[in-house]
């Protein structure tokens, strides 16, 4: 299953669940490339570098190199800024269109068909962007919840992760 956000590339939610279900991600079976993917997931969730290096079992120096070489910081900033900028731009366009309509003489302050179409498109775009942010929040909360369940009852976490996948699909 894949989730979508306007500015982020697609990433399987089940991969995040798999990460949570690993009891020991520092095992010798985990390759450096796998550790890098897991570290990147933690980084995007806002986990500190110290916590990531401890959880993954790598040095902070290695993690800092991955962050720098992979431009993770810039990626994270561009995701946040782009979403905020797009919302601001759409709201500004909608306000400008409404102001133009309101500047007409009384009795003619009704949007034309093309104006109404543009307003509908802007409102739908705003709704999509806001919903995408909600889906990211839901995913983050579910990942944290599954991490908690895994510590308490690992067998239940596997079962619950299927329900989490289905829930996320229903939100898309």
N, C-alpha and C. Protein backbone atom coordinates (compact mmCIF):
# COMPACT_ATOMS: atom_id res chain seq x y z
N UNK A 1 0.83 -1.17 0.00
CA UNK A 1 0.00 0.00 0.00
C UNK A 1 0.88 1.24 0.00
N UNK A 2 0.50 2.28 -0.73
CA UNK A 2 1.26 3.50 -0.79
C UNK A 2 0.40 4.66 -0.36
N UNK A 3 0.99 5.62 0.35
CA UNK A 3 0.25 6.82 0.66
C UNK A 3 0.84 7.94 -0.18
N UNK A 4 0.07 8.99 -0.34
CA UNK A 4 0.48 10.08 -1.22
C UNK A 4 0.39 11.41 -0.47
N UNK A 5 1.37 12.22 -0.67
CA UNK A 5 1.25 13.62 -0.28
C UNK A 5 1.69 14.42 -1.49
N UNK A 6 1.20 15.62 -1.61
CA UNK A 6 1.47 16.42 -2.80
C UNK A 6 2.95 16.61 -3.08
N UNK A 7 3.75 16.79 -2.05
CA UNK A 7 5.14 17.14 -2.28
C UNK A 7 6.11 16.03 -1.92
N UNK A 8 5.65 15.01 -1.23
CA UNK A 8 6.54 13.93 -0.87
C UNK A 8 6.46 12.83 -1.91
N UNK A 9 7.55 12.10 -2.05
CA UNK A 9 7.49 10.95 -2.94
C UNK A 9 6.72 9.85 -2.22
N UNK A 10 6.22 8.89 -2.98
CA UNK A 10 5.42 7.82 -2.39
C UNK A 10 6.32 6.88 -1.59
N UNK A 11 5.82 6.38 -0.52
CA UNK A 11 6.58 5.52 0.38
C UNK A 11 5.60 4.51 0.96
N UNK A 12 5.95 3.24 0.98
CA UNK A 12 5.00 2.26 1.51
C UNK A 12 4.82 2.41 3.01
N UNK A 13 3.56 2.49 3.45
CA UNK A 13 3.26 2.56 4.87
C UNK A 13 3.67 1.26 5.53
N UNK A 14 3.48 0.13 4.84
CA UNK A 14 3.82 -1.16 5.42
C UNK A 14 5.31 -1.24 5.75
N UNK A 15 6.16 -0.47 5.00
CA UNK A 15 7.59 -0.44 5.33
C UNK A 15 7.80 0.14 6.73
N UNK A 16 7.05 1.19 7.06
CA UNK A 16 7.16 1.78 8.39
C UNK A 16 6.72 0.78 9.46
N UNK A 17 5.66 0.04 9.17
CA UNK A 17 5.19 -0.97 10.12
C UNK A 17 6.26 -2.04 10.31
N UNK A 18 6.89 -2.44 9.20
CA UNK A 18 7.95 -3.45 9.29
C UNK A 18 9.08 -2.96 10.19
N UNK A 19 9.43 -1.70 10.04
CA UNK A 19 10.49 -1.12 10.88
C UNK A 19 10.10 -1.23 12.35
N UNK A 20 8.85 -0.90 12.65
CA UNK A 20 8.39 -0.94 14.04
C UNK A 20 8.41 -2.36 14.57
N UNK A 21 8.10 -3.32 13.74
CA UNK A 21 8.00 -4.71 14.21
C UNK A 21 9.35 -5.38 14.39
N UNK A 22 10.41 -4.79 13.88
CA UNK A 22 11.74 -5.37 14.12
C UNK A 22 12.08 -5.23 15.60
N UNK A 23 12.27 -6.35 16.26
CA UNK A 23 12.63 -6.27 17.67
C UNK A 23 14.06 -5.78 17.84
N UNK A 24 14.92 -6.14 16.92
CA UNK A 24 16.31 -5.77 17.06
C UNK A 24 16.85 -5.32 15.71
N UNK A 25 16.68 -4.03 15.39
CA UNK A 25 17.13 -3.54 14.10
C UNK A 25 18.64 -3.41 14.04
N UNK A 26 19.30 -3.64 15.16
CA UNK A 26 20.75 -3.57 15.18
C UNK A 26 21.37 -4.94 14.91
N UNK A 27 20.56 -5.91 14.51
CA UNK A 27 21.08 -7.25 14.29
C UNK A 27 22.08 -7.24 13.14
N UNK A 28 22.91 -8.25 13.11
CA UNK A 28 23.92 -8.33 12.06
C UNK A 28 23.27 -8.61 10.71
N UNK A 29 21.99 -9.02 10.70
CA UNK A 29 21.30 -9.30 9.46
C UNK A 29 20.87 -8.01 8.75
N UNK A 30 20.86 -6.89 9.46
CA UNK A 30 20.44 -5.63 8.87
C UNK A 30 21.63 -4.98 8.17
N UNK A 31 21.47 -4.74 6.86
CA UNK A 31 22.56 -4.14 6.09
C UNK A 31 22.62 -2.64 6.34
N UNK A 32 23.72 -2.04 5.94
CA UNK A 32 23.87 -0.58 6.09
C UNK A 32 22.81 0.16 5.28
N UNK A 33 22.50 -0.37 4.10
CA UNK A 33 21.48 0.28 3.27
C UNK A 33 20.12 0.23 3.96
N UNK A 34 19.78 -0.89 4.59
CA UNK A 34 18.52 -1.01 5.33
C UNK A 34 18.53 -0.05 6.51
N UNK A 35 19.67 0.03 7.20
CA UNK A 35 19.77 0.95 8.33
C UNK A 35 19.59 2.39 7.87
N UNK A 36 20.11 2.71 6.68
CA UNK A 36 19.97 4.07 6.15
C UNK A 36 18.49 4.38 5.87
N UNK A 37 17.77 3.43 5.30
CA UNK A 37 16.34 3.62 5.02
C UNK A 37 15.56 3.82 6.32
N UNK A 38 15.87 3.00 7.31
CA UNK A 38 15.21 3.09 8.61
C UNK A 38 15.54 4.43 9.27
N UNK A 39 16.81 4.82 9.21
CA UNK A 39 17.24 6.10 9.79
C UNK A 39 16.52 7.27 9.10
N UNK A 40 16.38 7.18 7.79
CA UNK A 40 15.70 8.23 7.04
C UNK A 40 14.24 8.34 7.49
N UNK A 41 13.58 7.21 7.69
CA UNK A 41 12.20 7.22 8.19
C UNK A 41 12.12 7.90 9.56
N UNK A 42 13.01 7.53 10.46
CA UNK A 42 13.03 8.16 11.78
C UNK A 42 13.29 9.66 11.67
N UNK A 43 14.22 10.05 10.80
CA UNK A 43 14.57 11.46 10.61
C UNK A 43 13.35 12.25 10.15
N UNK A 44 12.61 11.71 9.20
CA UNK A 44 11.43 12.41 8.68
C UNK A 44 10.34 12.52 9.73
N UNK A 45 10.37 11.64 10.74
CA UNK A 45 9.38 11.70 11.82
C UNK A 45 9.81 12.66 12.92
N UNK A 46 11.01 13.23 12.81
CA UNK A 46 11.45 14.23 13.78
C UNK A 46 12.28 13.66 14.92
N UNK A 47 12.71 12.41 14.80
CA UNK A 47 13.54 11.81 15.83
C UNK A 47 14.92 12.47 15.80
N UNK A 48 15.50 12.71 16.97
CA UNK A 48 16.80 13.37 17.03
C UNK A 48 17.90 12.46 16.49
N UNK A 49 19.00 13.07 16.07
CA UNK A 49 20.12 12.29 15.53
C UNK A 49 20.70 11.34 16.57
N UNK A 50 20.76 11.80 17.82
CA UNK A 50 21.28 10.96 18.90
C UNK A 50 20.40 9.71 19.06
N UNK A 51 19.07 9.93 19.09
CA UNK A 51 18.14 8.81 19.24
C UNK A 51 18.23 7.85 18.05
N UNK A 52 18.33 8.41 16.86
CA UNK A 52 18.40 7.56 15.67
C UNK A 52 19.66 6.70 15.71
N UNK A 53 20.78 7.32 16.02
CA UNK A 53 22.04 6.55 16.03
C UNK A 53 22.00 5.44 17.08
N UNK A 54 21.36 5.71 18.22
CA UNK A 54 21.23 4.68 19.25
C UNK A 54 20.28 3.57 18.82
N UNK A 55 19.14 3.94 18.23
CA UNK A 55 18.15 2.95 17.81
C UNK A 55 18.67 2.07 16.68
N UNK A 56 19.40 2.67 15.75
CA UNK A 56 19.86 1.95 14.57
C UNK A 56 21.18 1.23 14.83
N UNK A 57 21.93 1.73 15.79
CA UNK A 57 23.21 1.09 16.09
C UNK A 57 24.32 1.54 15.16
N UNK A 58 24.34 2.85 14.86
CA UNK A 58 25.38 3.41 14.02
C UNK A 58 25.98 4.61 14.74
N UNK A 59 27.15 5.03 14.28
CA UNK A 59 27.77 6.20 14.91
C UNK A 59 27.06 7.46 14.45
N UNK A 60 27.14 8.49 15.28
CA UNK A 60 26.55 9.78 14.91
C UNK A 60 27.26 10.36 13.69
N UNK A 61 28.54 10.06 13.58
CA UNK A 61 29.31 10.54 12.43
C UNK A 61 28.76 9.94 11.13
N UNK A 62 28.48 8.65 11.14
CA UNK A 62 27.90 8.00 9.96
C UNK A 62 26.54 8.59 9.64
N UNK A 63 25.72 8.77 10.67
CA UNK A 63 24.38 9.33 10.47
C UNK A 63 24.47 10.74 9.90
N UNK A 64 25.36 11.56 10.43
CA UNK A 64 25.53 12.93 9.93
C UNK A 64 25.95 12.91 8.46
N UNK A 65 26.79 11.96 8.09
CA UNK A 65 27.22 11.84 6.69
C UNK A 65 26.02 11.47 5.80
N UNK A 66 25.17 10.53 6.27
CA UNK A 66 23.98 10.15 5.52
C UNK A 66 23.04 11.34 5.34
N UNK A 67 22.86 12.11 6.41
CA UNK A 67 21.97 13.28 6.37
C UNK A 67 22.51 14.29 5.35
N UNK A 68 23.83 14.53 5.40
CA UNK A 68 24.44 15.51 4.50
C UNK A 68 24.43 15.02 3.06
N UNK A 69 24.91 13.79 2.83
CA UNK A 69 25.01 13.26 1.47
C UNK A 69 23.63 13.08 0.83
N UNK A 70 22.65 12.67 1.62
CA UNK A 70 21.30 12.45 1.10
C UNK A 70 20.45 13.70 1.09
N UNK A 71 21.00 14.81 1.59
CA UNK A 71 20.29 16.09 1.67
C UNK A 71 18.94 15.94 2.37
N UNK A 72 18.94 15.18 3.47
CA UNK A 72 17.69 14.91 4.20
C UNK A 72 17.11 16.19 4.79
N UNK A 73 17.98 17.07 5.28
CA UNK A 73 17.51 18.31 5.90
C UNK A 73 16.79 19.18 4.87
N UNK A 74 17.40 19.33 3.70
CA UNK A 74 16.78 20.12 2.64
C UNK A 74 15.47 19.50 2.18
N UNK A 75 15.44 18.18 2.08
CA UNK A 75 14.22 17.48 1.68
C UNK A 75 13.10 17.76 2.68
N UNK A 76 13.41 17.65 3.96
CA UNK A 76 12.42 17.88 5.00
C UNK A 76 11.91 19.33 4.97
N UNK A 77 12.83 20.27 4.79
CA UNK A 77 12.45 21.68 4.73
C UNK A 77 11.59 21.96 3.50
N UNK A 78 11.94 21.38 2.37
CA UNK A 78 11.19 21.66 1.14
C UNK A 78 9.78 21.09 1.22
N UNK A 79 9.62 19.96 1.89
CA UNK A 79 8.29 19.37 2.05
C UNK A 79 7.42 20.31 2.86
N UNK A 80 7.92 20.77 3.99
CA UNK A 80 7.15 21.65 4.86
C UNK A 80 6.89 22.99 4.19
N UNK A 81 7.91 23.60 3.65
CA UNK A 81 7.75 24.91 3.04
C UNK A 81 6.83 24.86 1.83
N UNK A 82 6.95 23.84 1.02
CA UNK A 82 6.14 23.75 -0.17
C UNK A 82 4.66 23.63 0.19
N UNK A 83 4.33 22.82 1.16
CA UNK A 83 2.94 22.66 1.57
C UNK A 83 2.40 23.99 2.09
N UNK A 84 3.15 24.65 2.94
CA UNK A 84 2.72 25.92 3.50
C UNK A 84 2.60 26.98 2.41
N UNK A 85 3.56 27.01 1.51
CA UNK A 85 3.53 27.99 0.43
C UNK A 85 2.34 27.75 -0.49
N UNK A 86 2.08 26.50 -0.81
CA UNK A 86 0.95 26.19 -1.68
C UNK A 86 -0.36 26.60 -1.02
N UNK A 87 -0.52 26.29 0.25
CA UNK A 87 -1.75 26.69 0.95
C UNK A 87 -1.91 28.20 0.95
N UNK A 88 -0.84 28.91 1.26
CA UNK A 88 -0.90 30.37 1.29
C UNK A 88 -1.25 30.92 -0.10
N UNK A 89 -0.62 30.36 -1.14
CA UNK A 89 -0.88 30.81 -2.50
C UNK A 89 -2.34 30.58 -2.89
N UNK A 90 -2.88 29.41 -2.60
CA UNK A 90 -4.28 29.12 -2.94
C UNK A 90 -5.24 30.01 -2.16
N UNK A 91 -4.95 30.21 -0.89
CA UNK A 91 -5.81 31.10 -0.09
C UNK A 91 -5.75 32.54 -0.62
N UNK A 92 -4.56 33.00 -1.01
CA UNK A 92 -4.41 34.34 -1.57
C UNK A 92 -5.19 34.48 -2.88
N UNK A 93 -5.11 33.46 -3.73
CA UNK A 93 -5.83 33.49 -5.00
C UNK A 93 -7.34 33.51 -4.78
N UNK A 94 -7.79 32.73 -3.82
CA UNK A 94 -9.21 32.69 -3.50
C UNK A 94 -9.67 34.04 -2.95
N UNK A 95 -8.87 34.64 -2.08
CA UNK A 95 -9.21 35.96 -1.52
C UNK A 95 -9.23 37.02 -2.62
N UNK A 96 -8.27 36.97 -3.54
CA UNK A 96 -8.24 37.93 -4.63
C UNK A 96 -9.46 37.79 -5.53
N UNK A 97 -9.85 36.57 -5.82
CA UNK A 97 -11.04 36.33 -6.63
C UNK A 97 -12.30 36.83 -5.92
N UNK A 98 -12.39 36.55 -4.62
CA UNK A 98 -13.54 37.04 -3.84
C UNK A 98 -13.56 38.58 -3.79
N UNK A 99 -12.40 39.19 -3.65
CA UNK A 99 -12.32 40.66 -3.62
C UNK A 99 -12.76 41.24 -4.97
N UNK A 100 -12.37 40.60 -6.04
CA UNK A 100 -12.77 41.06 -7.38
C UNK A 100 -14.30 40.96 -7.53
N UNK A 101 -14.88 39.89 -7.07
CA UNK A 101 -16.33 39.71 -7.14
C UNK A 101 -17.03 40.75 -6.27
N UNK A 102 -16.51 41.00 -5.08
CA UNK A 102 -17.13 41.96 -4.15
C UNK A 102 -16.99 43.41 -4.62
N UNK A 103 -16.03 43.66 -5.51
CA UNK A 103 -15.84 45.03 -6.01
C UNK A 103 -16.89 45.43 -7.04
N UNK A 104 -17.66 44.47 -7.49
CA UNK A 104 -18.71 44.78 -8.47
C UNK A 104 -19.86 45.51 -7.78
N UNK A 105 -20.67 46.13 -8.60
CA UNK A 105 -21.81 46.86 -8.04
C UNK A 105 -22.81 45.88 -7.44
N UNK A 106 -23.56 46.33 -6.44
CA UNK A 106 -24.54 45.46 -5.79
C UNK A 106 -25.49 44.83 -6.83
N UNK A 107 -25.81 43.58 -6.58
CA UNK A 107 -26.67 42.83 -7.49
C UNK A 107 -25.88 42.06 -8.54
N UNK A 108 -24.60 42.38 -8.70
CA UNK A 108 -23.76 41.69 -9.68
C UNK A 108 -22.55 41.03 -9.00
N UNK A 109 -22.69 40.80 -7.72
CA UNK A 109 -21.59 40.21 -6.94
C UNK A 109 -21.69 38.69 -6.88
N UNK A 110 -22.03 38.12 -7.99
CA UNK A 110 -22.14 36.66 -8.09
C UNK A 110 -21.04 36.20 -9.04
N UNK A 111 -20.33 35.14 -8.68
CA UNK A 111 -19.25 34.69 -9.57
C UNK A 111 -19.81 34.18 -10.91
N UNK A 112 -19.05 34.45 -11.96
CA UNK A 112 -19.40 33.91 -13.26
C UNK A 112 -19.10 32.41 -13.26
N UNK A 113 -19.53 31.72 -14.27
CA UNK A 113 -19.28 30.27 -14.35
C UNK A 113 -17.77 29.98 -14.30
N UNK A 114 -16.95 30.66 -15.10
CA UNK A 114 -15.50 30.41 -15.02
C UNK A 114 -14.93 30.73 -13.63
N UNK A 115 -15.41 31.81 -13.01
CA UNK A 115 -14.94 32.17 -11.66
C UNK A 115 -15.34 31.10 -10.66
N UNK A 116 -16.57 30.61 -10.76
CA UNK A 116 -17.04 29.56 -9.85
C UNK A 116 -16.22 28.29 -10.04
N UNK A 117 -15.87 27.98 -11.28
CA UNK A 117 -15.04 26.80 -11.55
C UNK A 117 -13.66 26.94 -10.91
N UNK A 118 -13.07 28.12 -11.05
CA UNK A 118 -11.75 28.37 -10.44
C UNK A 118 -11.85 28.28 -8.92
N UNK A 119 -12.90 28.84 -8.36
CA UNK A 119 -13.09 28.77 -6.90
C UNK A 119 -13.20 27.32 -6.44
N UNK A 120 -13.95 26.53 -7.16
CA UNK A 120 -14.11 25.11 -6.82
C UNK A 120 -12.77 24.39 -6.90
N UNK A 121 -12.00 24.67 -7.96
CA UNK A 121 -10.69 24.04 -8.10
C UNK A 121 -9.76 24.45 -6.96
N UNK A 122 -9.77 25.72 -6.59
CA UNK A 122 -8.92 26.18 -5.49
C UNK A 122 -9.33 25.53 -4.16
N UNK A 123 -10.62 25.50 -3.91
CA UNK A 123 -11.10 24.88 -2.66
C UNK A 123 -10.76 23.40 -2.61
N UNK A 124 -10.89 22.71 -3.74
CA UNK A 124 -10.52 21.29 -3.77
C UNK A 124 -9.02 21.08 -3.55
N UNK A 125 -8.21 21.97 -4.12
CA UNK A 125 -6.76 21.87 -3.93
C UNK A 125 -6.40 22.10 -2.46
N UNK A 126 -7.03 23.09 -1.84
CA UNK A 126 -6.79 23.36 -0.42
C UNK A 126 -7.19 22.15 0.42
N UNK A 127 -8.34 21.60 0.12
CA UNK A 127 -8.83 20.43 0.87
C UNK A 127 -7.87 19.25 0.73
N UNK A 128 -7.38 19.02 -0.50
CA UNK A 128 -6.44 17.90 -0.73
C UNK A 128 -5.16 18.09 0.09
N UNK A 129 -4.62 19.30 0.06
CA UNK A 129 -3.37 19.55 0.78
C UNK A 129 -3.59 19.39 2.28
N UNK A 130 -4.69 19.93 2.79
CA UNK A 130 -4.97 19.80 4.22
C UNK A 130 -5.22 18.35 4.59
N UNK A 131 -5.89 17.58 3.74
CA UNK A 131 -6.14 16.17 4.00
C UNK A 131 -4.85 15.38 3.99
N UNK A 132 -3.94 15.71 3.06
CA UNK A 132 -2.65 15.02 3.03
C UNK A 132 -1.91 15.21 4.34
N UNK A 133 -1.97 16.41 4.90
CA UNK A 133 -1.31 16.65 6.18
C UNK A 133 -1.97 15.80 7.25
N UNK A 134 -3.29 15.67 7.18
CA UNK A 134 -3.99 14.84 8.16
C UNK A 134 -3.57 13.38 8.04
N UNK A 135 -3.40 12.88 6.82
CA UNK A 135 -2.99 11.49 6.63
C UNK A 135 -1.59 11.28 7.20
N UNK A 136 -0.69 12.25 6.98
CA UNK A 136 0.65 12.10 7.55
C UNK A 136 0.60 12.04 9.07
N UNK A 137 -0.26 12.85 9.67
CA UNK A 137 -0.41 12.83 11.12
C UNK A 137 -0.95 11.49 11.59
N UNK A 138 -1.94 10.98 10.88
CA UNK A 138 -2.52 9.67 11.23
C UNK A 138 -1.45 8.60 11.15
N UNK A 139 -0.66 8.61 10.09
CA UNK A 139 0.40 7.61 9.94
C UNK A 139 1.39 7.70 11.09
N UNK A 140 1.79 8.90 11.43
CA UNK A 140 2.74 9.09 12.53
C UNK A 140 2.18 8.55 13.84
N UNK A 141 0.93 8.86 14.13
CA UNK A 141 0.30 8.38 15.36
C UNK A 141 0.20 6.85 15.35
N UNK A 142 -0.20 6.28 14.22
CA UNK A 142 -0.31 4.81 14.14
C UNK A 142 1.04 4.13 14.31
N UNK A 143 2.08 4.72 13.75
CA UNK A 143 3.42 4.15 13.91
C UNK A 143 3.82 4.16 15.39
N UNK A 144 3.57 5.28 16.07
CA UNK A 144 3.88 5.37 17.49
C UNK A 144 3.05 4.36 18.29
N UNK A 145 1.78 4.24 17.94
CA UNK A 145 0.89 3.29 18.61
C UNK A 145 1.39 1.85 18.42
N UNK A 146 1.77 1.52 17.19
CA UNK A 146 2.26 0.16 16.92
C UNK A 146 3.57 -0.12 17.66
N UNK A 147 4.39 0.90 17.80
CA UNK A 147 5.63 0.74 18.56
C UNK A 147 5.31 0.41 20.02
N UNK A 148 4.32 1.10 20.57
CA UNK A 148 3.88 0.84 21.94
C UNK A 148 3.33 -0.59 22.06
N UNK A 149 2.45 -0.98 21.14
CA UNK A 149 1.86 -2.33 21.18
C UNK A 149 2.94 -3.39 21.03
N UNK A 150 3.91 -3.15 20.14
CA UNK A 150 4.98 -4.13 19.92
C UNK A 150 5.73 -4.42 21.22
N UNK A 151 5.93 -3.39 22.03
CA UNK A 151 6.63 -3.59 23.30
C UNK A 151 5.80 -4.40 24.29
N UNK A 152 4.48 -4.19 24.24
CA UNK A 152 3.58 -4.87 25.18
C UNK A 152 3.20 -6.27 24.71
N UNK A 153 2.77 -6.36 23.45
CA UNK A 153 2.30 -7.63 22.90
C UNK A 153 2.71 -7.72 21.42
N UNK A 154 3.91 -8.23 21.15
CA UNK A 154 4.42 -8.27 19.77
C UNK A 154 3.50 -9.00 18.78
N UNK A 155 2.85 -10.08 19.24
CA UNK A 155 1.96 -10.82 18.33
C UNK A 155 0.77 -9.98 17.91
N UNK A 156 0.24 -9.21 18.83
CA UNK A 156 -0.91 -8.35 18.52
C UNK A 156 -0.51 -7.24 17.53
N UNK A 157 0.72 -6.76 17.63
CA UNK A 157 1.18 -5.68 16.75
C UNK A 157 1.11 -6.10 15.29
N UNK A 158 1.46 -7.35 15.02
CA UNK A 158 1.39 -7.85 13.64
C UNK A 158 -0.05 -7.81 13.15
N UNK A 159 -0.97 -8.27 13.97
CA UNK A 159 -2.39 -8.28 13.61
C UNK A 159 -2.92 -6.86 13.43
N UNK A 160 -2.59 -5.99 14.36
CA UNK A 160 -3.08 -4.61 14.32
C UNK A 160 -2.53 -3.86 13.12
N UNK A 161 -1.31 -4.18 12.70
CA UNK A 161 -0.72 -3.47 11.56
C UNK A 161 -1.56 -3.65 10.29
N UNK A 162 -2.20 -4.81 10.13
CA UNK A 162 -3.08 -5.03 8.97
C UNK A 162 -4.27 -4.07 9.03
N UNK A 163 -4.82 -3.88 10.21
CA UNK A 163 -5.93 -2.94 10.37
C UNK A 163 -5.46 -1.51 10.11
N UNK A 164 -4.25 -1.19 10.54
CA UNK A 164 -3.71 0.15 10.29
C UNK A 164 -3.58 0.41 8.79
N UNK A 165 -3.06 -0.57 8.06
CA UNK A 165 -2.95 -0.43 6.61
C UNK A 165 -4.33 -0.18 5.99
N UNK A 166 -5.31 -0.95 6.40
CA UNK A 166 -6.67 -0.80 5.86
C UNK A 166 -7.23 0.58 6.21
N UNK A 167 -6.97 1.05 7.41
CA UNK A 167 -7.46 2.36 7.84
C UNK A 167 -6.85 3.46 6.98
N UNK A 168 -5.53 3.38 6.75
CA UNK A 168 -4.86 4.39 5.94
C UNK A 168 -5.41 4.37 4.52
N UNK A 169 -5.64 3.18 3.96
CA UNK A 169 -6.23 3.08 2.62
C UNK A 169 -7.58 3.79 2.56
N UNK A 170 -8.36 3.65 3.62
CA UNK A 170 -9.69 4.26 3.63
C UNK A 170 -9.62 5.78 3.69
N UNK A 171 -8.52 6.33 4.17
CA UNK A 171 -8.36 7.79 4.29
C UNK A 171 -7.85 8.43 3.00
N UNK A 172 -7.38 7.61 2.07
CA UNK A 172 -6.78 8.16 0.84
C UNK A 172 -7.84 8.42 -0.20
